[in-house]
Amino acid sequence: MSVAFRREGDDEHLEPKFELPLPPGPNLVTPRGLALIGSKVAELEAMLPTLTDESALTATRRTLRYWRTRLATAQLMDMPDCSHVAFGCRVTIRMNGKQRTIAIVGDDEANPKKGLLAFSAPLCRAIMDVGVGEEVPFGDSGALIEILEIAPLEA
């Protein structure tokens, strides 16, 4: 029989469901970030038995695999002395005349609206290992970032 007349199941035409992408590089975490990942895993594990819809169950399992992988690969970082900008520091900067305070955290803990930037963010990479009073160029515009204050994150 010709393939053109073969009855195919509806599942053959569905888009494949890929795993959630993991951020590249190491999975550095603060103590708070590690706790957040652990609570996310616990929340999803508690949710699984309550789900009856197959698509919701599949999506939750997929998300749980992501968070379990993040938990298994987490590298808890020691809190730095903050003599220079490093992972786990709260940094006050001035750029283009505007002052801003950011915290340098792991990818999963990042929330730019709350001033939590991932260590892999371009701004954080630009100011790593810089001390108070120093200036570094940022971006194509040649803007300068001045480091005003460096302090450890609160635990």
N, C-alpha and C. Protein backbone atom coordinates (compact mmCIF):
# COMPACT_ATOMS: atom_id res chain seq x y z
N MET A 1 0.84 -1.17 0.00
CA MET A 1 0.00 0.00 0.00
C MET A 1 0.89 1.23 0.00
N SER A 2 0.47 2.22 -0.71
CA SER A 2 1.22 3.46 -0.80
C SER A 2 1.23 4.19 0.54
N VAL A 3 2.33 4.80 0.83
CA VAL A 3 2.47 5.56 2.07
C VAL A 3 1.46 6.71 2.10
N ALA A 4 1.09 7.22 0.96
CA ALA A 4 0.17 8.35 0.90
C ALA A 4 -1.20 8.01 1.47
N PHE A 5 -1.57 6.73 1.47
CA PHE A 5 -2.89 6.34 1.95
C PHE A 5 -2.86 5.72 3.34
N ARG A 6 -1.71 5.75 3.96
CA ARG A 6 -1.57 5.15 5.29
C ARG A 6 -2.20 6.08 6.33
N ARG A 7 -2.94 5.50 7.26
CA ARG A 7 -3.54 6.29 8.35
C ARG A 7 -2.45 6.55 9.38
N GLU A 8 -2.20 7.83 9.59
CA GLU A 8 -1.19 8.21 10.57
C GLU A 8 -1.89 8.70 11.83
N GLY A 9 -1.28 8.42 12.94
CA GLY A 9 -1.83 8.92 14.19
C GLY A 9 -1.63 10.42 14.30
N ASP A 10 -2.48 11.05 15.07
CA ASP A 10 -2.38 12.50 15.26
C ASP A 10 -1.08 12.90 15.96
N ASP A 11 -0.53 11.98 16.75
CA ASP A 11 0.71 12.28 17.48
C ASP A 11 1.89 12.50 16.55
N GLU A 12 1.82 11.94 15.35
CA GLU A 12 2.94 12.07 14.42
C GLU A 12 3.12 13.50 13.94
N HIS A 13 2.08 14.32 14.06
CA HIS A 13 2.14 15.68 13.55
C HIS A 13 2.38 16.72 14.65
N LEU A 14 2.52 16.29 15.87
CA LEU A 14 2.75 17.23 16.97
C LEU A 14 4.20 17.70 16.97
N GLU A 15 4.39 18.92 17.42
CA GLU A 15 5.74 19.46 17.56
C GLU A 15 6.45 18.69 18.67
N PRO A 16 7.72 18.39 18.49
CA PRO A 16 8.45 17.69 19.55
C PRO A 16 8.61 18.60 20.77
N LYS A 17 8.61 17.99 21.95
CA LYS A 17 8.80 18.73 23.20
C LYS A 17 10.25 18.57 23.63
N PHE A 18 11.00 19.65 23.55
CA PHE A 18 12.40 19.61 23.91
C PHE A 18 12.57 19.90 25.39
N GLU A 19 13.70 19.50 25.93
CA GLU A 19 14.01 19.81 27.32
C GLU A 19 14.25 21.31 27.45
N LEU A 20 14.03 21.83 28.65
CA LEU A 20 14.31 23.24 28.90
C LEU A 20 15.82 23.46 28.78
N PRO A 21 16.23 24.49 28.09
CA PRO A 21 17.68 24.71 27.91
C PRO A 21 18.35 25.15 29.21
N LEU A 22 19.53 24.60 29.44
CA LEU A 22 20.32 24.97 30.61
C LEU A 22 21.25 26.12 30.24
N PRO A 23 21.42 27.09 31.13
CA PRO A 23 22.38 28.16 30.83
C PRO A 23 23.78 27.59 30.63
N PRO A 24 24.55 28.14 29.72
CA PRO A 24 25.91 27.63 29.51
C PRO A 24 26.82 27.99 30.68
N GLY A 25 27.87 27.23 30.85
CA GLY A 25 28.85 27.53 31.89
C GLY A 25 28.50 26.89 33.22
N PRO A 26 29.29 27.22 34.24
CA PRO A 26 29.08 26.61 35.55
C PRO A 26 27.79 27.11 36.19
N ASN A 27 27.25 26.32 37.11
CA ASN A 27 26.01 26.66 37.81
C ASN A 27 26.37 27.18 39.20
N LEU A 28 26.91 28.39 39.25
CA LEU A 28 27.29 28.99 40.52
C LEU A 28 26.04 29.48 41.25
N VAL A 29 25.99 29.24 42.57
CA VAL A 29 24.83 29.66 43.35
C VAL A 29 25.27 30.28 44.67
N THR A 30 24.45 31.19 45.17
CA THR A 30 24.61 31.73 46.51
C THR A 30 23.83 30.81 47.45
N PRO A 31 24.00 30.94 48.77
CA PRO A 31 23.17 30.13 49.68
C PRO A 31 21.68 30.35 49.44
N ARG A 32 21.28 31.61 49.19
CA ARG A 32 19.88 31.90 48.90
C ARG A 32 19.45 31.23 47.61
N GLY A 33 20.30 31.28 46.59
CA GLY A 33 19.98 30.65 45.31
C GLY A 33 19.81 29.15 45.43
N LEU A 34 20.67 28.50 46.23
CA LEU A 34 20.57 27.06 46.44
C LEU A 34 19.26 26.72 47.14
N ALA A 35 18.87 27.53 48.13
CA ALA A 35 17.61 27.31 48.83
C ALA A 35 16.42 27.50 47.89
N LEU A 36 16.49 28.49 47.00
CA LEU A 36 15.41 28.71 46.04
C LEU A 36 15.25 27.53 45.09
N ILE A 37 16.37 26.98 44.62
CA ILE A 37 16.31 25.82 43.72
C ILE A 37 15.72 24.63 44.46
N GLY A 38 16.17 24.40 45.70
CA GLY A 38 15.64 23.29 46.50
C GLY A 38 14.15 23.42 46.75
N SER A 39 13.68 24.63 47.03
CA SER A 39 12.24 24.82 47.27
C SER A 39 11.44 24.64 45.99
N LYS A 40 12.01 25.01 44.86
CA LYS A 40 11.32 24.81 43.57
C LYS A 40 11.16 23.31 43.28
N VAL A 41 12.21 22.53 43.55
CA VAL A 41 12.14 21.07 43.36
C VAL A 41 11.06 20.49 44.27
N ALA A 42 11.07 20.89 45.54
CA ALA A 42 10.08 20.37 46.50
C ALA A 42 8.66 20.75 46.09
N GLU A 43 8.47 21.98 45.63
CA GLU A 43 7.16 22.44 45.19
C GLU A 43 6.65 21.61 44.01
N LEU A 44 7.51 21.37 43.03
CA LEU A 44 7.10 20.60 41.85
C LEU A 44 6.84 19.14 42.20
N GLU A 45 7.68 18.56 43.08
CA GLU A 45 7.47 17.17 43.50
C GLU A 45 6.14 17.02 44.24
N ALA A 46 5.79 18.01 45.05
CA ALA A 46 4.51 17.97 45.77
C ALA A 46 3.33 18.14 44.83
N MET A 47 3.52 18.84 43.75
CA MET A 47 2.46 19.11 42.78
C MET A 47 2.14 17.88 41.92
N LEU A 48 3.14 17.05 41.64
CA LEU A 48 2.96 15.92 40.72
C LEU A 48 1.76 15.02 41.04
N PRO A 49 1.60 14.55 42.29
CA PRO A 49 0.48 13.63 42.56
C PRO A 49 -0.90 14.27 42.40
N THR A 50 -0.97 15.59 42.40
CA THR A 50 -2.26 16.27 42.29
C THR A 50 -2.71 16.50 40.85
N LEU A 51 -1.81 16.29 39.90
CA LEU A 51 -2.13 16.57 38.50
C LEU A 51 -2.83 15.39 37.84
N THR A 52 -3.89 15.70 37.12
CA THR A 52 -4.61 14.65 36.39
C THR A 52 -4.53 14.85 34.88
N ASP A 53 -4.38 16.07 34.46
CA ASP A 53 -4.27 16.38 33.04
C ASP A 53 -2.91 15.92 32.51
N GLU A 54 -2.92 15.13 31.45
CA GLU A 54 -1.68 14.55 30.92
C GLU A 54 -0.70 15.61 30.44
N SER A 55 -1.19 16.65 29.78
CA SER A 55 -0.27 17.69 29.29
C SER A 55 0.34 18.47 30.45
N ALA A 56 -0.43 18.74 31.49
CA ALA A 56 0.11 19.43 32.67
C ALA A 56 1.13 18.56 33.39
N LEU A 57 0.85 17.26 33.44
CA LEU A 57 1.77 16.32 34.08
C LEU A 57 3.09 16.26 33.30
N THR A 58 3.00 16.20 31.98
CA THR A 58 4.20 16.16 31.14
C THR A 58 5.02 17.44 31.30
N ALA A 59 4.35 18.58 31.29
CA ALA A 59 5.05 19.87 31.43
C ALA A 59 5.70 19.99 32.81
N THR A 60 5.02 19.54 33.84
CA THR A 60 5.57 19.61 35.20
C THR A 60 6.76 18.68 35.35
N ARG A 61 6.69 17.50 34.78
CA ARG A 61 7.83 16.57 34.83
C ARG A 61 9.04 17.17 34.11
N ARG A 62 8.78 17.80 32.99
CA ARG A 62 9.86 18.44 32.23
C ARG A 62 10.52 19.55 33.06
N THR A 63 9.70 20.39 33.67
CA THR A 63 10.22 21.47 34.51
C THR A 63 10.97 20.91 35.71
N LEU A 64 10.45 19.83 36.29
CA LEU A 64 11.11 19.19 37.43
C LEU A 64 12.48 18.63 37.03
N ARG A 65 12.58 18.06 35.84
CA ARG A 65 13.89 17.57 35.37
C ARG A 65 14.90 18.72 35.28
N TYR A 66 14.44 19.86 34.79
CA TYR A 66 15.31 21.04 34.71
C TYR A 66 15.83 21.42 36.11
N TRP A 67 14.91 21.57 37.07
CA TRP A 67 15.31 22.02 38.41
C TRP A 67 16.13 20.96 39.15
N ARG A 68 15.84 19.69 38.93
CA ARG A 68 16.68 18.64 39.55
C ARG A 68 18.10 18.70 38.99
N THR A 69 18.22 18.94 37.69
CA THR A 69 19.55 19.08 37.09
C THR A 69 20.27 20.29 37.66
N ARG A 70 19.56 21.40 37.80
CA ARG A 70 20.17 22.60 38.37
C ARG A 70 20.60 22.36 39.82
N LEU A 71 19.81 21.61 40.57
CA LEU A 71 20.17 21.30 41.95
C LEU A 71 21.40 20.39 41.99
N ALA A 72 21.43 19.39 41.12
CA ALA A 72 22.55 18.43 41.10
C ALA A 72 23.85 19.08 40.65
N THR A 73 23.77 20.10 39.80
CA THR A 73 24.99 20.72 39.27
C THR A 73 25.36 22.01 40.00
N ALA A 74 24.59 22.38 41.01
CA ALA A 74 24.84 23.64 41.73
C ALA A 74 26.21 23.62 42.41
N GLN A 75 26.93 24.71 42.26
CA GLN A 75 28.22 24.89 42.92
C GLN A 75 28.08 26.05 43.90
N LEU A 76 27.89 25.71 45.18
CA LEU A 76 27.73 26.72 46.21
C LEU A 76 29.04 27.47 46.39
N MET A 77 28.98 28.77 46.20
CA MET A 77 30.19 29.59 46.28
C MET A 77 30.36 30.17 47.68
N ASP A 78 31.61 30.20 48.13
CA ASP A 78 31.92 30.86 49.39
C ASP A 78 31.67 32.35 49.22
N MET A 79 31.24 32.99 50.29
CA MET A 79 31.03 34.43 50.22
C MET A 79 32.38 35.13 50.11
N PRO A 80 32.54 36.03 49.15
CA PRO A 80 33.82 36.69 48.92
C PRO A 80 34.09 37.77 49.98
N ASP A 81 35.34 38.22 50.05
CA ASP A 81 35.67 39.31 50.97
C ASP A 81 35.25 40.66 50.40
N CYS A 82 34.93 40.69 49.14
CA CYS A 82 34.42 41.89 48.45
C CYS A 82 35.41 43.04 48.43
N SER A 83 36.70 42.72 48.42
CA SER A 83 37.70 43.77 48.21
C SER A 83 37.69 44.19 46.74
N HIS A 84 37.22 43.30 45.89
CA HIS A 84 37.01 43.56 44.47
C HIS A 84 35.66 42.95 44.09
N VAL A 85 35.09 43.38 43.00
CA VAL A 85 33.80 42.85 42.55
C VAL A 85 33.94 41.36 42.26
N ALA A 86 33.02 40.57 42.82
CA ALA A 86 33.05 39.12 42.64
C ALA A 86 31.63 38.58 42.78
N PHE A 87 31.47 37.32 42.42
CA PHE A 87 30.20 36.62 42.61
C PHE A 87 29.84 36.70 44.09
N GLY A 88 28.60 37.04 44.39
CA GLY A 88 28.15 37.11 45.77
C GLY A 88 28.32 38.48 46.40
N CYS A 89 28.64 39.49 45.60
CA CYS A 89 28.79 40.86 46.12
C CYS A 89 27.60 41.72 45.71
N ARG A 90 27.32 42.70 46.56
CA ARG A 90 26.38 43.77 46.22
C ARG A 90 27.24 44.96 45.83
N VAL A 91 27.02 45.48 44.64
CA VAL A 91 27.90 46.51 44.08
C VAL A 91 27.09 47.75 43.72
N THR A 92 27.57 48.91 44.16
CA THR A 92 26.95 50.17 43.77
C THR A 92 27.85 50.78 42.69
N ILE A 93 27.22 51.09 41.56
CA ILE A 93 27.96 51.62 40.41
C ILE A 93 27.36 52.96 39.97
N ARG A 94 28.15 53.69 39.20
CA ARG A 94 27.63 54.88 38.53
C ARG A 94 27.97 54.73 37.06
N MET A 95 26.93 54.88 36.24
CA MET A 95 27.12 54.78 34.79
C MET A 95 26.23 55.81 34.13
N ASN A 96 26.79 56.59 33.24
CA ASN A 96 26.05 57.66 32.56
C ASN A 96 25.39 58.61 33.56
N GLY A 97 26.07 58.86 34.68
CA GLY A 97 25.55 59.78 35.69
C GLY A 97 24.50 59.20 36.61
N LYS A 98 24.11 57.95 36.40
CA LYS A 98 23.08 57.32 37.23
C LYS A 98 23.71 56.30 38.17
N GLN A 99 23.29 56.34 39.41
CA GLN A 99 23.78 55.40 40.41
C GLN A 99 22.80 54.23 40.51
N ARG A 100 23.36 53.03 40.67
CA ARG A 100 22.53 51.82 40.72
C ARG A 100 23.25 50.78 41.58
N THR A 101 22.48 50.03 42.36
CA THR A 101 23.05 48.95 43.16
C THR A 101 22.56 47.63 42.60
N ILE A 102 23.50 46.72 42.38
CA ILE A 102 23.17 45.39 41.85
C ILE A 102 23.78 44.32 42.75
N ALA A 103 23.20 43.15 42.71
CA ALA A 103 23.76 41.99 43.39
C ALA A 103 24.15 40.98 42.32
N ILE A 104 25.34 40.41 42.46
CA ILE A 104 25.82 39.44 41.47
C ILE A 104 25.53 38.04 42.00
N VAL A 105 24.62 37.35 41.29
CA VAL A 105 24.11 36.05 41.74
C VAL A 105 24.17 35.03 40.60
N GLY A 106 23.65 33.83 40.84
CA GLY A 106 23.60 32.78 39.83
C GLY A 106 22.49 33.02 38.81
N ASP A 107 22.54 32.26 37.73
CA ASP A 107 21.58 32.42 36.64
C ASP A 107 20.13 32.23 37.09
N ASP A 108 19.88 31.23 37.94
CA ASP A 108 18.50 30.94 38.35
C ASP A 108 17.97 31.92 39.38
N GLU A 109 18.83 32.61 40.07
CA GLU A 109 18.43 33.58 41.09
C GLU A 109 18.25 34.98 40.50
N ALA A 110 18.74 35.19 39.31
CA ALA A 110 18.73 36.52 38.69
C ALA A 110 17.31 37.04 38.49
N ASN A 111 17.15 38.33 38.77
CA ASN A 111 15.90 39.05 38.55
C ASN A 111 16.28 40.52 38.37
N PRO A 112 16.56 40.94 37.15
CA PRO A 112 17.05 42.31 36.91
C PRO A 112 16.16 43.40 37.49
N LYS A 113 14.84 43.20 37.51
CA LYS A 113 13.95 44.22 38.07
C LYS A 113 14.20 44.45 39.55
N LYS A 114 14.72 43.42 40.23
CA LYS A 114 15.02 43.54 41.66
C LYS A 114 16.51 43.81 41.90
N GLY A 115 17.26 44.06 40.84
CA GLY A 115 18.67 44.35 40.99
C GLY A 115 19.55 43.13 41.16
N LEU A 116 19.01 41.95 40.87
CA LEU A 116 19.77 40.69 40.96
C LEU A 116 20.21 40.31 39.55
N LEU A 117 21.50 40.45 39.27
CA LEU A 117 22.02 40.15 37.93
C LEU A 117 22.86 38.89 37.95
N ALA A 118 22.70 38.08 36.92
CA ALA A 118 23.50 36.85 36.79
C ALA A 118 24.95 37.22 36.55
N PHE A 119 25.83 36.42 37.13
CA PHE A 119 27.27 36.65 36.96
C PHE A 119 27.68 36.60 35.49
N SER A 120 26.85 35.96 34.67
CA SER A 120 27.15 35.84 33.24
C SER A 120 26.64 37.03 32.42
N ALA A 121 25.92 37.95 33.06
CA ALA A 121 25.41 39.13 32.35
C ALA A 121 26.57 40.02 31.91
N PRO A 122 26.45 40.67 30.76
CA PRO A 122 27.54 41.51 30.26
C PRO A 122 28.01 42.57 31.27
N LEU A 123 27.08 43.20 31.97
CA LEU A 123 27.46 44.22 32.95
C LEU A 123 28.32 43.61 34.06
N CYS A 124 27.91 42.46 34.56
CA CYS A 124 28.67 41.80 35.63
C CYS A 124 30.04 41.35 35.13
N ARG A 125 30.09 40.81 33.94
CA ARG A 125 31.40 40.38 33.39
C ARG A 125 32.33 41.58 33.24
N ALA A 126 31.78 42.74 32.90
CA ALA A 126 32.61 43.93 32.70
C ALA A 126 33.23 44.44 33.99
N ILE A 127 32.54 44.26 35.12
CA ILE A 127 33.04 44.83 36.38
C ILE A 127 33.72 43.81 37.29
N MET A 128 33.78 42.55 36.89
CA MET A 128 34.43 41.53 37.73
C MET A 128 35.89 41.91 38.00
N ASP A 129 36.31 41.68 39.24
CA ASP A 129 37.69 41.91 39.70
C ASP A 129 38.09 43.38 39.71
N VAL A 130 37.13 44.29 39.66
CA VAL A 130 37.42 45.72 39.71
C VAL A 130 37.21 46.20 41.14
N GLY A 131 38.01 47.13 41.59
CA GLY A 131 37.92 47.64 42.96
C GLY A 131 37.19 48.96 43.05
N VAL A 132 36.89 49.37 44.30
CA VAL A 132 36.20 50.63 44.55
C VAL A 132 37.05 51.79 44.02
N GLY A 133 36.38 52.72 43.36
CA GLY A 133 37.05 53.89 42.80
C GLY A 133 37.57 53.70 41.39
N GLU A 134 37.58 52.47 40.92
CA GLU A 134 38.06 52.20 39.56
C GLU A 134 36.93 52.38 38.55
N GLU A 135 37.31 52.66 37.32
CA GLU A 135 36.36 52.79 36.21
C GLU A 135 36.72 51.81 35.12
N VAL A 136 35.70 51.25 34.49
CA VAL A 136 35.92 50.33 33.37
C VAL A 136 34.98 50.71 32.23
N PRO A 137 35.42 50.53 30.98
CA PRO A 137 34.54 50.81 29.84
C PRO A 137 33.48 49.72 29.72
N PHE A 138 32.32 50.13 29.18
CA PHE A 138 31.24 49.17 29.00
C PHE A 138 30.53 49.45 27.69
N GLY A 139 30.39 48.42 26.88
CA GLY A 139 29.63 48.52 25.65
C GLY A 139 30.36 49.26 24.55
N ASP A 140 29.70 49.31 23.41
CA ASP A 140 30.28 49.96 22.23
C ASP A 140 30.30 51.48 22.34
N SER A 141 29.45 52.03 23.21
CA SER A 141 29.37 53.48 23.32
C SER A 141 30.55 54.07 24.08
N GLY A 142 31.31 53.20 24.75
CA GLY A 142 32.45 53.68 25.52
C GLY A 142 32.06 54.24 26.88
N ALA A 143 30.83 53.97 27.32
CA ALA A 143 30.39 54.43 28.64
C ALA A 143 31.30 53.86 29.71
N LEU A 144 31.53 54.65 30.75
CA LEU A 144 32.37 54.19 31.85
C LEU A 144 31.50 53.80 33.04
N ILE A 145 31.89 52.70 33.68
CA ILE A 145 31.23 52.26 34.90
C ILE A 145 32.20 52.53 36.04
N GLU A 146 31.77 53.31 37.01
CA GLU A 146 32.58 53.59 38.19
C GLU A 146 32.06 52.75 39.35
N ILE A 147 32.96 52.07 40.04
CA ILE A 147 32.59 51.26 41.19
C ILE A 147 32.61 52.16 42.42
N LEU A 148 31.45 52.32 43.07
CA LEU A 148 31.34 53.21 44.22
C LEU A 148 31.45 52.47 45.54
N GLU A 149 30.87 51.27 45.59
CA GLU A 149 30.87 50.51 46.85
C GLU A 149 30.72 49.03 46.53
N ILE A 150 31.37 48.19 47.35
CA ILE A 150 31.26 46.74 47.22
C ILE A 150 31.02 46.18 48.62
N ALA A 151 30.00 45.34 48.76
CA ALA A 151 29.68 44.73 50.05
C ALA A 151 29.21 43.30 49.81
N PRO A 152 29.36 42.43 50.81
CA PRO A 152 28.85 41.06 50.65
C PRO A 152 27.32 41.04 50.66
N LEU A 153 26.75 40.07 49.97
CA LEU A 153 25.30 39.89 50.01
C LEU A 153 24.89 39.43 51.39
N GLU A 154 23.70 39.81 51.78
CA GLU A 154 23.16 39.29 53.03
C GLU A 154 22.80 37.84 52.81
N ALA A 155 23.06 37.00 53.79
CA ALA A 155 22.79 35.56 53.66
C ALA A 155 21.31 35.28 53.64
